[in-house]
């Protein structure tokens, strides 16, 4: 069954936001490292007007452990914003995806008392 949409409504929403190949490669590289460690098991990609989401899950039927969001640029010359959410809490925001992903590069140190 066909769905009729008004072109004026479609144009008003703006162009869709997608991850570029480079951004998706960086996200999937991080995802595969955590899958190899046994920490993450599933991911999902979603698109909504003005944003794209990449979510990672510890288990398939759970809420997302982390959500990476790419927001549409505010103006023609601006860069898109990238956000990182831990469940519902925003923990990082930047105009560079690599800067947002750098939070996962921190080494854990063992402290003895």
PDB file of N, CA and C in Angstrom:
ATOM      1  N   UNK A   1       0.841  -1.170   0.000  1.00  0.00           N
ATOM      2  CA  UNK A   1       0.000   0.000   0.000  1.00  0.00           C
ATOM      3  C   UNK A   1       0.890   1.237   0.000  1.00  0.00           C
ATOM      4  N   UNK A   2       0.563   2.192  -0.797  1.00  0.00           N
ATOM      5  CA  UNK A   2       1.347   3.415  -0.927  1.00  0.00           C
ATOM      6  C   UNK A   2       0.950   4.424   0.130  1.00  0.00           C
ATOM      7  N   UNK A   3       1.914   5.258   0.466  1.00  0.00           N
ATOM      8  CA  UNK A   3       1.653   6.327   1.420  1.00  0.00           C
ATOM      9  C   UNK A   3       1.912   7.649   0.714  1.00  0.00           C
ATOM     10  N   UNK A   4       0.967   8.538   0.759  1.00  0.00           N
ATOM     11  CA  UNK A   4       1.081   9.835   0.115  1.00  0.00           C
ATOM     12  C   UNK A   4       1.611  10.829   1.141  1.00  0.00           C
ATOM     13  N   UNK A   5       2.661  11.551   0.749  1.00  0.00           N
ATOM     14  CA  UNK A   5       3.213  12.578   1.622  1.00  0.00           C
ATOM     15  C   UNK A   5       3.239  13.906   0.866  1.00  0.00           C
ATOM     16  N   UNK A   6       3.118  14.988   1.598  1.00  0.00           N
ATOM     17  CA  UNK A   6       3.215  16.307   0.988  1.00  0.00           C
ATOM     18  C   UNK A   6       4.681  16.674   0.851  1.00  0.00           C
ATOM     19  N   UNK A   7       5.092  17.134  -0.321  1.00  0.00           N
ATOM     20  CA  UNK A   7       6.485  17.510  -0.542  1.00  0.00           C
ATOM     21  C   UNK A   7       6.898  18.677   0.348  1.00  0.00           C
ATOM     22  N   UNK A   8       5.998  19.583   0.619  1.00  0.00           N
ATOM     23  CA  UNK A   8       6.330  20.718   1.490  1.00  0.00           C
ATOM     24  C   UNK A   8       6.698  20.235   2.886  1.00  0.00           C
ATOM     25  N   UNK A   9       6.000  19.219   3.397  1.00  0.00           N
ATOM     26  CA  UNK A   9       6.322  18.675   4.717  1.00  0.00           C
ATOM     27  C   UNK A   9       7.666  17.980   4.690  1.00  0.00           C
ATOM     28  N   UNK A  10       7.959  17.284   3.627  1.00  0.00           N
ATOM     29  CA  UNK A  10       9.231  16.559   3.503  1.00  0.00           C
ATOM     30  C   UNK A  10      10.403  17.524   3.455  1.00  0.00           C
ATOM     31  N   UNK A  11      10.271  18.601   2.717  1.00  0.00           N
ATOM     32  CA  UNK A  11      11.350  19.591   2.593  1.00  0.00           C
ATOM     33  C   UNK A  11      11.569  20.354   3.896  1.00  0.00           C
ATOM     34  N   UNK A  12      10.511  20.575   4.652  1.00  0.00           N
ATOM     35  CA  UNK A  12      10.599  21.337   5.895  1.00  0.00           C
ATOM     36  C   UNK A  12      11.428  20.590   6.939  1.00  0.00           C
ATOM     37  N   UNK A  13      11.388  19.270   6.930  1.00  0.00           N
ATOM     38  CA  UNK A  13      12.117  18.495   7.933  1.00  0.00           C
ATOM     39  C   UNK A  13      13.625  18.569   7.740  1.00  0.00           C
ATOM     40  N   UNK A  14      14.086  18.968   6.587  1.00  0.00           N
ATOM     41  CA  UNK A  14      15.513  19.060   6.333  1.00  0.00           C
ATOM     42  C   UNK A  14      16.069  17.744   5.829  1.00  0.00           C
ATOM     43  N   UNK A  15      17.328  17.778   5.489  1.00  0.00           N
ATOM     44  CA  UNK A  15      17.945  16.574   4.954  1.00  0.00           C
ATOM     45  C   UNK A  15      18.275  15.608   6.088  1.00  0.00           C
ATOM     46  N   UNK A  16      18.228  14.324   5.806  1.00  0.00           N
ATOM     47  CA  UNK A  16      18.539  13.342   6.854  1.00  0.00           C
ATOM     48  C   UNK A  16      20.024  13.370   7.224  1.00  0.00           C
ATOM     49  N   UNK A  17      20.321  12.931   8.419  1.00  0.00           N
ATOM     50  CA  UNK A  17      21.696  12.892   8.911  1.00  0.00           C
ATOM     51  C   UNK A  17      22.154  11.439   8.923  1.00  0.00           C
ATOM     52  N   UNK A  18      23.329  11.194   8.367  1.00  0.00           N
ATOM     53  CA  UNK A  18      23.905   9.854   8.335  1.00  0.00           C
ATOM     54  C   UNK A  18      25.348   9.921   8.818  1.00  0.00           C
ATOM     55  N   UNK A  19      25.860   8.800   9.296  1.00  0.00           N
ATOM     56  CA  UNK A  19      27.279   8.699   9.609  1.00  0.00           C
ATOM     57  C   UNK A  19      28.039   8.512   8.301  1.00  0.00           C
ATOM     58  N   UNK A  20      29.176   9.194   8.180  1.00  0.00           N
ATOM     59  CA  UNK A  20      30.022   8.988   7.003  1.00  0.00           C
ATOM     60  C   UNK A  20      30.727   7.646   7.130  1.00  0.00           C
ATOM     61  N   UNK A  21      31.353   7.221   6.063  1.00  0.00           N
ATOM     62  CA  UNK A  21      32.082   5.949   6.084  1.00  0.00           C
ATOM     63  C   UNK A  21      33.194   5.975   7.130  1.00  0.00           C
ATOM     64  N   UNK A  22      33.914   7.076   7.225  1.00  0.00           N
ATOM     65  CA  UNK A  22      34.999   7.207   8.199  1.00  0.00           C
ATOM     66  C   UNK A  22      34.456   7.141   9.628  1.00  0.00           C
ATOM     67  N   UNK A  23      33.351   7.840   9.886  1.00  0.00           N
ATOM     68  CA  UNK A  23      32.752   7.820  11.219  1.00  0.00           C
ATOM     69  C   UNK A  23      32.248   6.427  11.567  1.00  0.00           C
ATOM     70  N   UNK A  24      31.606   5.774  10.620  1.00  0.00           N
ATOM     71  CA  UNK A  24      31.088   4.427  10.861  1.00  0.00           C
ATOM     72  C   UNK A  24      32.229   3.434  11.082  1.00  0.00           C
ATOM     73  N   UNK A  25      33.330   3.582  10.351  1.00  0.00           N
ATOM     74  CA  UNK A  25      34.492   2.717  10.572  1.00  0.00           C
ATOM     75  C   UNK A  25      35.059   2.891  11.976  1.00  0.00           C
ATOM     76  N   UNK A  26      35.121   4.135  12.452  1.00  0.00           N
ATOM     77  CA  UNK A  26      35.628   4.391  13.805  1.00  0.00           C
ATOM     78  C   UNK A  26      34.704   3.782  14.860  1.00  0.00           C
ATOM     79  N   UNK A  27      33.398   3.919  14.669  1.00  0.00           N
ATOM     80  CA  UNK A  27      32.430   3.351  15.615  1.00  0.00           C
ATOM     81  C   UNK A  27      32.495   1.822  15.611  1.00  0.00           C
ATOM     82  N   UNK A  28      32.582   1.226  14.437  1.00  0.00           N
ATOM     83  CA  UNK A  28      32.625  -0.237  14.352  1.00  0.00           C
ATOM     84  C   UNK A  28      33.951  -0.803  14.864  1.00  0.00           C
ATOM     85  N   UNK A  29      35.046  -0.054  14.721  1.00  0.00           N
ATOM     86  CA  UNK A  29      36.327  -0.497  15.278  1.00  0.00           C
ATOM     87  C   UNK A  29      36.261  -0.534  16.802  1.00  0.00           C
ATOM     88  N   UNK A  30      35.681   0.511  17.393  1.00  0.00           N
ATOM     89  CA  UNK A  30      35.497   0.533  18.850  1.00  0.00           C
ATOM     90  C   UNK A  30      34.577  -0.592  19.282  1.00  0.00           C
ATOM     91  N   UNK A  31      33.490  -0.782  18.556  1.00  0.00           N
ATOM     92  CA  UNK A  31      32.535  -1.850  18.872  1.00  0.00           C
ATOM     93  C   UNK A  31      33.209  -3.222  18.815  1.00  0.00           C
ATOM     94  N   UNK A  32      34.000  -3.482  17.779  1.00  0.00           N
ATOM     95  CA  UNK A  32      34.625  -4.804  17.647  1.00  0.00           C
ATOM     96  C   UNK A  32      35.647  -5.064  18.753  1.00  0.00           C
ATOM     97  N   UNK A  33      36.355  -4.021  19.219  1.00  0.00           N
ATOM     98  CA  UNK A  33      37.292  -4.203  20.337  1.00  0.00           C
ATOM     99  C   UNK A  33      36.551  -4.626  21.598  1.00  0.00           C
ATOM    100  N   UNK A  34      35.412  -4.021  21.851  1.00  0.00           N
ATOM    101  CA  UNK A  34      34.650  -4.359  23.055  1.00  0.00           C
ATOM    102  C   UNK A  34      33.924  -5.693  22.919  1.00  0.00           C
ATOM    103  N   UNK A  35      33.567  -6.079  21.705  1.00  0.00           N
ATOM    104  CA  UNK A  35      32.986  -7.410  21.490  1.00  0.00           C
ATOM    105  C   UNK A  35      34.045  -8.470  21.773  1.00  0.00           C
ATOM    106  N   UNK A  36      35.273  -8.228  21.327  1.00  0.00           N
ATOM    107  CA  UNK A  36      36.364  -9.176  21.570  1.00  0.00           C
ATOM    108  C   UNK A  36      36.643  -9.353  23.062  1.00  0.00           C
ATOM    109  N   UNK A  37      36.422  -8.299  23.844  1.00  0.00           N
ATOM    110  CA  UNK A  37      36.589  -8.386  25.294  1.00  0.00           C
ATOM    111  C   UNK A  37      35.394  -9.025  25.977  1.00  0.00           C
ATOM    112  N   UNK A  38      34.289  -9.204  25.241  1.00  0.00           N
ATOM    113  CA  UNK A  38      33.085  -9.787  25.808  1.00  0.00           C
ATOM    114  C   UNK A  38      32.202  -8.783  26.524  1.00  0.00           C
ATOM    115  N   UNK A  39      32.433  -7.486  26.316  1.00  0.00           N
ATOM    116  CA  UNK A  39      31.674  -6.451  27.016  1.00  0.00           C
ATOM    117  C   UNK A  39      30.389  -6.069  26.285  1.00  0.00           C
ATOM    118  N   UNK A  40      30.439  -6.010  24.972  1.00  0.00           N
ATOM    119  CA  UNK A  40      29.276  -5.624  24.175  1.00  0.00           C
ATOM    120  C   UNK A  40      28.871  -6.778  23.275  1.00  0.00           C
ATOM    121  N   UNK A  41      27.573  -6.865  22.986  1.00  0.00           N
ATOM    122  CA  UNK A  41      27.088  -7.964  22.156  1.00  0.00           C
ATOM    123  C   UNK A  41      26.285  -7.548  20.944  1.00  0.00           C
ATOM    124  N   UNK A  42      25.730  -6.361  20.941  1.00  0.00           N
ATOM    125  CA  UNK A  42      24.844  -5.974  19.853  1.00  0.00           C
ATOM    126  C   UNK A  42      24.926  -4.475  19.632  1.00  0.00           C
ATOM    127  N   UNK A  43      24.586  -4.044  18.422  1.00  0.00           N
ATOM    128  CA  UNK A  43      24.513  -2.615  18.131  1.00  0.00           C
ATOM    129  C   UNK A  43      23.312  -2.347  17.241  1.00  0.00           C
ATOM    130  N   UNK A  44      22.931  -1.087  17.179  1.00  0.00           N
ATOM    131  CA  UNK A  44      21.823  -0.667  16.321  1.00  0.00           C
ATOM    132  C   UNK A  44      22.122   0.728  15.798  1.00  0.00           C
ATOM    133  N   UNK A  45      21.662   0.987  14.595  1.00  0.00           N
ATOM    134  CA  UNK A  45      21.807   2.305  13.991  1.00  0.00           C
ATOM    135  C   UNK A  45      20.410   2.834  13.724  1.00  0.00           C
ATOM    136  N   UNK A  46      20.158   4.061  14.134  1.00  0.00           N
ATOM    137  CA  UNK A  46      18.843   4.665  13.932  1.00  0.00           C
ATOM    138  C   UNK A  46      18.965   6.053  13.350  1.00  0.00           C
ATOM    139  N   UNK A  47      17.956   6.440  12.581  1.00  0.00           N
ATOM    140  CA  UNK A  47      17.927   7.765  11.967  1.00  0.00           C
ATOM    141  C   UNK A  47      16.593   8.419  12.284  1.00  0.00           C
ATOM    142  N   UNK A  48      16.663   9.642  12.732  1.00  0.00           N
ATOM    143  CA  UNK A  48      15.494  10.451  12.996  1.00  0.00           C
ATOM    144  C   UNK A  48      15.750  11.812  12.362  1.00  0.00           C
ATOM    145  N   UNK A  49      14.736  12.620  12.172  1.00  0.00           N
ATOM    146  CA  UNK A  49      14.982  13.942  11.591  1.00  0.00           C
ATOM    147  C   UNK A  49      15.997  14.728  12.413  1.00  0.00           C
ATOM    148  N   UNK A  50      17.082  15.134  11.776  1.00  0.00           N
ATOM    149  CA  UNK A  50      18.087  15.955  12.435  1.00  0.00           C
ATOM    150  C   UNK A  50      19.143  15.199  13.211  1.00  0.00           C
ATOM    151  N   UNK A  51      19.086  13.854  13.248  1.00  0.00           N
ATOM    152  CA  UNK A  51      20.111  13.130  13.995  1.00  0.00           C
ATOM    153  C   UNK A  51      20.223  11.675  13.546  1.00  0.00           C
ATOM    154  N   UNK A  52      21.406  11.122  13.795  1.00  0.00           N
ATOM    155  CA  UNK A  52      21.662   9.702  13.576  1.00  0.00           C
ATOM    156  C   UNK A  52      22.188   9.135  14.892  1.00  0.00           C
ATOM    157  N   UNK A  53      21.809   7.882  15.204  1.00  0.00           N
ATOM    158  CA  UNK A  53      22.216   7.250  16.464  1.00  0.00           C
ATOM    159  C   UNK A  53      22.918   5.925  16.195  1.00  0.00           C
ATOM    160  N   UNK A  54      23.943   5.636  16.979  1.00  0.00           N
ATOM    161  CA  UNK A  54      24.615   4.339  16.993  1.00  0.00           C
ATOM    162  C   UNK A  54      24.591   3.888  18.445  1.00  0.00           C
ATOM    163  N   UNK A  55      23.847   2.841  18.743  1.00  0.00           N
ATOM    164  CA  UNK A  55      23.736   2.377  20.122  1.00  0.00           C
ATOM    165  C   UNK A  55      24.405   1.026  20.265  1.00  0.00           C
ATOM    166  N   UNK A  56      25.039   0.806  21.412  1.00  0.00           N
ATOM    167  CA  UNK A  56      25.657  -0.486  21.713  1.00  0.00           C
ATOM    168  C   UNK A  56      24.973  -1.065  22.949  1.00  0.00           C
ATOM    169  N   UNK A  57      24.845  -2.379  22.943  1.00  0.00           N
ATOM    170  CA  UNK A  57      24.131  -3.077  24.006  1.00  0.00           C
ATOM    171  C   UNK A  57      25.018  -4.167  24.599  1.00  0.00           C
ATOM    172  N   UNK A  58      24.910  -4.360  25.905  1.00  0.00           N
ATOM    173  CA  UNK A  58      25.615  -5.467  26.550  1.00  0.00           C
ATOM    174  C   UNK A  58      24.909  -6.782  26.270  1.00  0.00           C
ATOM    175  N   UNK A  59      23.596  -6.739  26.217  1.00  0.00           N
ATOM    176  CA  UNK A  59      22.771  -7.888  25.866  1.00  0.00           C
ATOM    177  C   UNK A  59      21.708  -7.410  24.888  1.00  0.00           C
ATOM    178  N   UNK A  60      21.251  -8.291  24.048  1.00  0.00           N
ATOM    179  CA  UNK A  60      20.340  -7.912  22.973  1.00  0.00           C
ATOM    180  C   UNK A  60      19.063  -7.251  23.461  1.00  0.00           C
ATOM    181  N   UNK A  61      18.493  -7.730  24.534  1.00  0.00           N
ATOM    182  CA  UNK A  61      17.187  -7.238  24.963  1.00  0.00           C
ATOM    183  C   UNK A  61      17.259  -6.193  26.076  1.00  0.00           C
ATOM    184  N   UNK A  62      18.417  -5.623  26.313  1.00  0.00           N
ATOM    185  CA  UNK A  62      18.568  -4.594  27.337  1.00  0.00           C
ATOM    186  C   UNK A  62      18.538  -3.204  26.714  1.00  0.00           C
ATOM    187  N   UNK A  63      18.474  -2.209  27.595  1.00  0.00           N
ATOM    188  CA  UNK A  63      18.613  -0.828  27.150  1.00  0.00           C
ATOM    189  C   UNK A  63      20.028  -0.614  26.643  1.00  0.00           C
ATOM    190  N   UNK A  64      20.239   0.377  25.799  1.00  0.00           N
ATOM    191  CA  UNK A  64      21.595   0.633  25.298  1.00  0.00           C
ATOM    192  C   UNK A  64      22.558   0.986  26.424  1.00  0.00           C
ATOM    193  N   UNK A  65      23.763   0.416  26.348  1.00  0.00           N
ATOM    194  CA  UNK A  65      24.806   0.777  27.309  1.00  0.00           C
ATOM    195  C   UNK A  65      25.339   2.172  26.981  1.00  0.00           C
ATOM    196  N   UNK A  66      25.587   2.422  25.696  1.00  0.00           N
ATOM    197  CA  UNK A  66      26.066   3.723  25.230  1.00  0.00           C
ATOM    198  C   UNK A  66      25.350   4.082  23.943  1.00  0.00           C
ATOM    199  N   UNK A  67      25.136   5.380  23.757  1.00  0.00           N
ATOM    200  CA  UNK A  67      24.540   5.882  22.529  1.00  0.00           C
ATOM    201  C   UNK A  67      25.411   7.001  21.988  1.00  0.00           C
ATOM    202  N   UNK A  68      25.834   6.859  20.736  1.00  0.00           N
ATOM    203  CA  UNK A  68      26.600   7.880  20.037  1.00  0.00           C
ATOM    204  C   UNK A  68      25.631   8.588  19.094  1.00  0.00           C
ATOM    205  N   UNK A  69      25.534   9.909  19.205  1.00  0.00           N
ATOM    206  CA  UNK A  69      24.568  10.685  18.432  1.00  0.00           C
ATOM    207  C   UNK A  69      25.310  11.694  17.569  1.00  0.00           C
ATOM    208  N   UNK A  70      24.892  11.784  16.312  1.00  0.00           N
ATOM    209  CA  UNK A  70      25.387  12.823  15.414  1.00  0.00           C
ATOM    210  C   UNK A  70      24.218  13.742  15.111  1.00  0.00           C
ATOM    211  N   UNK A  71      24.357  15.021  15.488  1.00  0.00           N
ATOM    212  CA  UNK A  71      23.310  16.009  15.253  1.00  0.00           C
ATOM    213  C   UNK A  71      23.613  16.787  13.979  1.00  0.00           C
ATOM    214  N   UNK A  72      22.572  17.206  13.297  1.00  0.00           N
ATOM    215  CA  UNK A  72      22.726  17.996  12.080  1.00  0.00           C
ATOM    216  C   UNK A  72      23.402  19.319  12.406  1.00  0.00           C
ATOM    217  N   UNK A  73      24.223  19.828  11.503  1.00  0.00           N
ATOM    218  CA  UNK A  73      24.841  21.143  11.732  1.00  0.00           C
ATOM    219  C   UNK A  73      23.778  22.220  11.846  1.00  0.00           C
ATOM    220  N   UNK A  74      24.043  23.203  12.688  1.00  0.00           N
ATOM    221  CA  UNK A  74      23.065  24.273  12.911  1.00  0.00           C
ATOM    222  C   UNK A  74      22.985  25.232  11.729  1.00  0.00           C
ATOM    223  N   UNK A  75      24.094  25.375  10.995  1.00  0.00           N
ATOM    224  CA  UNK A  75      24.095  26.238   9.811  1.00  0.00           C
ATOM    225  C   UNK A  75      24.877  25.540   8.708  1.00  0.00           C
ATOM    226  N   UNK A  76      24.889  26.139   7.537  1.00  0.00           N
ATOM    227  CA  UNK A  76      25.529  25.512   6.378  1.00  0.00           C
ATOM    228  C   UNK A  76      27.037  25.345   6.564  1.00  0.00           C
ATOM    229  N   UNK A  77      27.687  26.266   7.264  1.00  0.00           N
ATOM    230  CA  UNK A  77      29.145  26.207   7.431  1.00  0.00           C
ATOM    231  C   UNK A  77      29.588  25.537   8.719  1.00  0.00           C
ATOM    232  N   UNK A  78      28.663  25.170   9.570  1.00  0.00           N
ATOM    233  CA  UNK A  78      29.002  24.594  10.877  1.00  0.00           C
ATOM    234  C   UNK A  78      29.280  23.099  10.748  1.00  0.00           C
ATOM    235  N   UNK A  79      29.988  22.580  11.737  1.00  0.00           N
ATOM    236  CA  UNK A  79      30.247  21.146  11.811  1.00  0.00           C
ATOM    237  C   UNK A  79      29.138  20.484  12.637  1.00  0.00           C
ATOM    238  N   UNK A  80      28.889  19.201  12.391  1.00  0.00           N
ATOM    239  CA  UNK A  80      27.883  18.517  13.212  1.00  0.00           C
ATOM    240  C   UNK A  80      28.399  18.293  14.630  1.00  0.00           C
ATOM    241  N   UNK A  81      27.499  18.181  15.572  1.00  0.00           N
ATOM    242  CA  UNK A  81      27.848  17.880  16.959  1.00  0.00           C
ATOM    243  C   UNK A  81      27.715  16.379  17.181  1.00  0.00           C
ATOM    244  N   UNK A  82      28.647  15.831  17.956  1.00  0.00           N
ATOM    245  CA  UNK A  82      28.608  14.430  18.349  1.00  0.00           C
ATOM    246  C   UNK A  82      28.431  14.369  19.855  1.00  0.00           C
ATOM    247  N   UNK A  83      27.532  13.517  20.299  1.00  0.00           N
ATOM    248  CA  UNK A  83      27.241  13.362  21.719  1.00  0.00           C
ATOM    249  C   UNK A  83      27.416  11.907  22.108  1.00  0.00           C
ATOM    250  N   UNK A  84      27.799  11.678  23.355  1.00  0.00           N
ATOM    251  CA  UNK A  84      27.901  10.330  23.905  1.00  0.00           C
ATOM    252  C   UNK A  84      27.050  10.266  25.155  1.00  0.00           C
ATOM    253  N   UNK A  85      26.144   9.307  25.179  1.00  0.00           N
ATOM    254  CA  UNK A  85      25.269   9.101  26.327  1.00  0.00           C
ATOM    255  C   UNK A  85      25.579   7.755  26.963  1.00  0.00           C
ATOM    256  N   UNK A  86      25.629   7.740  28.286  1.00  0.00           N
ATOM    257  CA  UNK A  86      25.710   6.520  29.071  1.00  0.00           C
ATOM    258  C   UNK A  86      24.312   6.316  29.629  1.00  0.00           C
ATOM    259  N   UNK A  87      23.581   5.375  29.066  1.00  0.00           N
ATOM    260  CA  UNK A  87      22.146   5.218  29.325  1.00  0.00           C
ATOM    261  C   UNK A  87      21.441   6.520  28.968  1.00  0.00           C
ATOM    262  N   UNK A  88      20.972   7.302  29.952  1.00  0.00           N
ATOM    263  CA  UNK A  88      20.277   8.555  29.659  1.00  0.00           C
ATOM    264  C   UNK A  88      21.109   9.789  29.995  1.00  0.00           C
ATOM    265  N   UNK A  89      22.332   9.599  30.455  1.00  0.00           N
ATOM    266  CA  UNK A  89      23.163  10.714  30.930  1.00  0.00           C
ATOM    267  C   UNK A  89      24.193  11.095  29.872  1.00  0.00           C
ATOM    268  N   UNK A  90      24.224  12.378  29.485  1.00  0.00           N
ATOM    269  CA  UNK A  90      25.208  12.843  28.508  1.00  0.00           C
ATOM    270  C   UNK A  90      26.565  12.939  29.199  1.00  0.00           C
ATOM    271  N   UNK A  91      27.574  12.274  28.619  1.00  0.00           N
ATOM    272  CA  UNK A  91      28.896  12.306  29.245  1.00  0.00           C
ATOM    273  C   UNK A  91      29.960  13.005  28.399  1.00  0.00           C
ATOM    274  N   UNK A  92      29.691  13.224  27.120  1.00  0.00           N
ATOM    275  CA  UNK A  92      30.686  13.914  26.290  1.00  0.00           C
ATOM    276  C   UNK A  92      29.995  14.548  25.099  1.00  0.00           C
ATOM    277  N   UNK A  93      30.477  15.742  24.681  1.00  0.00           N
ATOM    278  CA  UNK A  93      29.974  16.425  23.494  1.00  0.00           C
ATOM    279  C   UNK A  93      31.133  17.113  22.809  1.00  0.00           C
ATOM    280  N   UNK A  94      31.185  17.011  21.472  1.00  0.00           N
ATOM    281  CA  UNK A  94      32.256  17.632  20.706  1.00  0.00           C
ATOM    282  C   UNK A  94      31.842  17.735  19.240  1.00  0.00           C
ATOM    283  N   UNK A  95      32.611  18.506  18.477  1.00  0.00           N
ATOM    284  CA  UNK A  95      32.390  18.549  17.035  1.00  0.00           C
ATOM    285  C   UNK A  95      33.237  17.505  16.320  1.00  0.00           C
ATOM    286  N   UNK A  96      34.003  16.713  17.090  1.00  0.00           N
ATOM    287  CA  UNK A  96      34.848  15.660  16.527  1.00  0.00           C
ATOM    288  C   UNK A  96      34.439  14.311  17.120  1.00  0.00           C
ATOM    289  N   UNK A  97      34.134  13.362  16.249  1.00  0.00           N
ATOM    290  CA  UNK A  97      33.768  12.033  16.732  1.00  0.00           C
ATOM    291  C   UNK A  97      34.943  11.364  17.431  1.00  0.00           C
ATOM    292  N   UNK A  98      36.161  11.561  16.920  1.00  0.00           N
ATOM    293  CA  UNK A  98      37.330  10.932  17.545  1.00  0.00           C
ATOM    294  C   UNK A  98      37.558  11.444  18.963  1.00  0.00           C
ATOM    295  N   UNK A  99      37.235  12.699  19.205  1.00  0.00           N
ATOM    296  CA  UNK A  99      37.353  13.241  20.558  1.00  0.00           C
ATOM    297  C   UNK A  99      36.327  12.597  21.493  1.00  0.00           C
ATOM    298  N   UNK A 100      35.130  12.364  20.986  1.00  0.00           N
ATOM    299  CA  UNK A 100      34.101  11.697  21.780  1.00  0.00           C
ATOM    300  C   UNK A 100      34.514  10.253  22.069  1.00  0.00           C
ATOM    301  N   UNK A 101      35.081   9.580  21.071  1.00  0.00           N
ATOM    302  CA  UNK A 101      35.491   8.185  21.240  1.00  0.00           C
ATOM    303  C   UNK A 101      36.723   8.033  22.125  1.00  0.00           C
ATOM    304  N   UNK A 102      37.478   9.111  22.314  1.00  0.00           N
ATOM    305  CA  UNK A 102      38.712   9.027  23.101  1.00  0.00           C
ATOM    306  C   UNK A 102      38.457   8.674  24.559  1.00  0.00           C
ATOM    307  N   UNK A 103      37.243   8.830  25.029  1.00  0.00           N
ATOM    308  CA  UNK A 103      36.920   8.460  26.411  1.00  0.00           C
ATOM    309  C   UNK A 103      37.129   6.970  26.650  1.00  0.00           C
ATOM    310  N   UNK A 104      37.044   6.168  25.596  1.00  0.00           N
ATOM    311  CA  UNK A 104      37.218   4.725  25.728  1.00  0.00           C
ATOM    312  C   UNK A 104      38.681   4.302  25.627  1.00  0.00           C
ATOM    313  N   UNK A 105      39.590   5.230  25.330  1.00  0.00           N
ATOM    314  CA  UNK A 105      41.007   4.913  25.201  1.00  0.00           C
ATOM    315  C   UNK A 105      41.767   4.988  26.508  1.00  0.00           C
ATOM    316  N   UNK A 106      41.115   5.444  27.555  1.00  0.00           N
ATOM    317  CA  UNK A 106      41.812   5.609  28.831  1.00  0.00           C
ATOM    318  C   UNK A 106      42.127   4.242  29.434  1.00  0.00           C
ATOM    319  N   UNK A 107      43.353   4.111  29.871  1.00  0.00           N
ATOM    320  CA  UNK A 107      43.810   2.869  30.486  1.00  0.00           C
ATOM    321  C   UNK A 107      43.382   2.815  31.950  1.00  0.00           C
ATOM    322  N   UNK A 108      43.034   1.638  32.401  1.00  0.00           N
ATOM    323  CA  UNK A 108      42.672   1.450  33.783  1.00  0.00           C
ATOM    324  C   UNK A 108      43.944   1.111  34.564  1.00  0.00           C
ATOM    325  N   UNK A 109      44.159   1.798  35.690  1.00  0.00           N
ATOM    326  CA  UNK A 109      45.352   1.554  36.496  1.00  0.00           C
ATOM    327  C   UNK A 109      44.946   0.836  37.784  1.00  0.00           C
ATOM    328  N   UNK A 110      45.764  -0.091  38.184  1.00  0.00           N
ATOM    329  CA  UNK A 110      45.544  -0.808  39.434  1.00  0.00           C
ATOM    330  C   UNK A 110      46.273  -0.043  40.532  1.00  0.00           C
ATOM    331  N   UNK A 111      45.525   0.375  41.526  1.00  0.00           N
ATOM    332  CA  UNK A 111      46.102   1.096  42.657  1.00  0.00           C
ATOM    333  C   UNK A 111      46.161   0.164  43.851  1.00  0.00           C
ATOM    334  N   UNK A 112      47.334   0.082  44.464  1.00  0.00           N
ATOM    335  CA  UNK A 112      47.456  -0.753  45.656  1.00  0.00           C
ATOM    336  C   UNK A 112      47.556   0.151  46.876  1.00  0.00           C
ATOM    337  N   UNK A 113      47.032  -0.335  47.975  1.00  0.00           N
ATOM    338  CA  UNK A 113      47.070   0.451  49.218  1.00  0.00           C
ATOM    339  C   UNK A 113      47.977  -0.158  50.237  1.00  0.00           C
TER     340      UNK A 113
END
